[in-house]
C-alpha atoms as a PDB file:
ATOM      1  CA  LEU A   1      63.966 116.159  68.127  1.00  0.00           C
ATOM      2  CA  LYS A   2      67.040 113.906  68.137  1.00  0.00           C
ATOM      3  CA  ALA A   3      67.754 114.772  64.500  1.00  0.00           C
ATOM      4  CA  TYR A   4      67.399 118.488  65.229  1.00  0.00           C
ATOM      5  CA  GLU A   5      69.712 118.329  68.239  1.00  0.00           C
ATOM      6  CA  LYS A   6      72.293 116.328  66.269  1.00  0.00           C
ATOM      7  CA  ALA A   7      72.199 118.787  63.355  1.00  0.00           C
ATOM      8  CA  LYS A   8      72.536 121.699  65.760  1.00  0.00           C
ATOM      9  CA  LEU A   9      75.647 120.149  67.337  1.00  0.00           C
ATOM     10  CA  GLU A  10      77.265 119.484  63.947  1.00  0.00           C
ATOM     11  CA  ASP A  11      78.100 123.111  63.234  1.00  0.00           C
ATOM     12  CA  ASN A  12      80.273 122.527  60.172  1.00  0.00           C
ATOM     13  CA  GLY A  13      78.903 125.326  57.998  1.00  0.00           C
ATOM     14  CA  LYS A  14      77.027 122.890  55.750  1.00  0.00           C
ATOM     15  CA  PRO A  15      73.247 122.967  55.311  1.00  0.00           C
ATOM     16  CA  LYS A  16      71.209 120.278  57.058  1.00  0.00           C
ATOM     17  CA  LEU A  17      68.087 118.476  55.890  1.00  0.00           C
ATOM     18  CA  ILE A  18      65.714 116.783  58.305  1.00  0.00           C
ATOM     19  CA  ILE A  19      62.899 114.744  56.802  1.00  0.00           C
ATOM     20  CA  ALA A  20      59.863 114.354  59.038  1.00  0.00           C
ATOM     21  CA  LYS A  21      57.546 111.517  58.081  1.00  0.00           C
ATOM     22  CA  THR A  22      54.037 112.634  58.958  1.00  0.00           C
ATOM     23  CA  LEU A  23      50.499 111.678  58.008  1.00  0.00           C
ATOM     24  CA  ILE A  24      48.637 114.470  56.262  1.00  0.00           C
ATOM     25  CA  GLY A  25      45.082 114.775  57.514  1.00  0.00           C
ATOM     26  CA  LYS A  26      45.752 112.723  60.653  1.00  0.00           C
ATOM     27  CA  GLY A  27      42.566 112.314  62.651  1.00  0.00           C
ATOM     28  CA  ILE A  28      40.309 112.747  59.624  1.00  0.00           C
ATOM     29  CA  PRO A  29      39.601 109.245  58.259  1.00  0.00           C
ATOM     30  CA  GLU A  30      37.872 110.623  55.148  1.00  0.00           C
ATOM     31  CA  VAL A  31      41.004 112.408  53.901  1.00  0.00           C
ATOM     32  CA  ALA A  32      43.962 111.013  55.947  1.00  0.00           C
ATOM     33  CA  GLY A  33      46.953 110.227  53.771  1.00  0.00           C
ATOM     34  CA  THR A  34      45.559 111.998  50.708  1.00  0.00           C
ATOM     35  CA  SER A  35      45.941 115.403  49.106  1.00  0.00           C
ATOM     36  CA  LYS A  36      42.258 115.986  49.916  1.00  0.00           C
ATOM     37  CA  ALA A  37      43.374 117.056  53.404  1.00  0.00           C
ATOM     38  CA  HIS A  38      44.609 120.330  51.904  1.00  0.00           C
ATOM     39  CA  GLY A  39      42.342 123.336  51.720  1.00  0.00           C
ATOM     40  CA  GLU A  40      38.627 123.073  51.111  1.00  0.00           C
ATOM     41  CA  SER A  41      38.375 119.278  51.180  1.00  0.00           C
ATOM     42  CA  GLY A  42      39.532 119.053  54.793  1.00  0.00           C
ATOM     43  CA  LYS A  43      37.681 122.036  56.259  1.00  0.00           C
ATOM     44  CA  ASP A  44      34.437 120.137  56.839  1.00  0.00           C
ATOM     45  CA  PHE A  45      36.239 117.754  59.173  1.00  0.00           C
ATOM     46  CA  VAL A  46      38.236 120.185  61.321  1.00  0.00           C
ATOM     47  CA  GLU A  47      36.071 120.037  64.451  1.00  0.00           C
ATOM     48  CA  ARG A  48      35.979 116.244  64.531  1.00  0.00           C
ATOM     49  CA  SER A  49      39.667 115.873  63.706  1.00  0.00           C
ATOM     50  CA  ARG A  50      40.682 118.169  66.575  1.00  0.00           C
ATOM     51  CA  LYS A  51      38.766 115.889  68.943  1.00  0.00           C
ATOM     52  CA  ASN A  52      40.213 112.734  67.333  1.00  0.00           C
ATOM     53  CA  ILE A  53      43.792 113.839  68.040  1.00  0.00           C
ATOM     54  CA  GLY A  54      42.997 115.047  71.548  1.00  0.00           C
ATOM     55  CA  LEU A  55      43.088 118.823  71.128  1.00  0.00           C
ATOM     56  CA  PRO A  56      40.839 120.963  73.330  1.00  0.00           C
ATOM     57  CA  ASP A  57      37.906 122.908  71.889  1.00  0.00           C
ATOM     58  CA  LYS A  58      39.887 126.169  72.064  1.00  0.00           C
ATOM     59  CA  LEU A  59      40.476 127.175  68.417  1.00  0.00           C
ATOM     60  CA  TYR A  60      43.998 128.577  68.796  1.00  0.00           C
ATOM     61  CA  TYR A  61      45.484 126.120  71.281  1.00  0.00           C
ATOM     62  CA  VAL A  62      49.171 126.079  72.166  1.00  0.00           C
ATOM     63  CA  SER A  63      50.269 123.548  74.780  1.00  0.00           C
ATOM     64  CA  ASP A  64      52.153 124.659  77.866  1.00  0.00           C
ATOM     65  CA  SER A  65      55.203 122.637  76.794  1.00  0.00           C
ATOM     66  CA  VAL A  66      55.349 124.484  73.452  1.00  0.00           C
ATOM     67  CA  LYS A  67      54.965 127.863  75.161  1.00  0.00           C
ATOM     68  CA  GLU A  68      57.753 126.956  77.592  1.00  0.00           C
ATOM     69  CA  TYR A  69      60.050 125.790  74.782  1.00  0.00           C
ATOM     70  CA  PHE A  70      59.687 129.006  72.817  1.00  0.00           C
ATOM     71  CA  PHE A  71      59.945 131.162  75.945  1.00  0.00           C
ATOM     72  CA  ASN A  72      63.227 129.445  76.811  1.00  0.00           C
ATOM     73  CA  THR A  73      64.488 129.741  73.248  1.00  0.00           C
ATOM     74  CA  GLN A  74      63.687 133.460  73.200  1.00  0.00           C
ATOM     75  CA  THR A  75      65.367 133.954  76.580  1.00  0.00           C
ATOM     76  CA  GLU A  76      68.538 132.133  75.430  1.00  0.00           C
ATOM     77  CA  SER A  77      68.912 134.303  72.318  1.00  0.00           C
ATOM     78  CA  THR A  78      68.738 137.646  74.160  1.00  0.00           C
END
């Protein structure tokens, strides 16, 4: 978030690149950190991985903080 805010403030007309270091397949020990987390290889572990990273059982879950962020962003742009 700090990198995004900094890039947003530096409005010099030049493109910005933000590199986010993430772990592919996080929460799925069988495929974490490997290309196997893409597509078919990871699908068998979806239910368990959602629990491992603390997501609720609801399939299409969006946290209240994310909803609030996008609501505020939409409101600011109108």
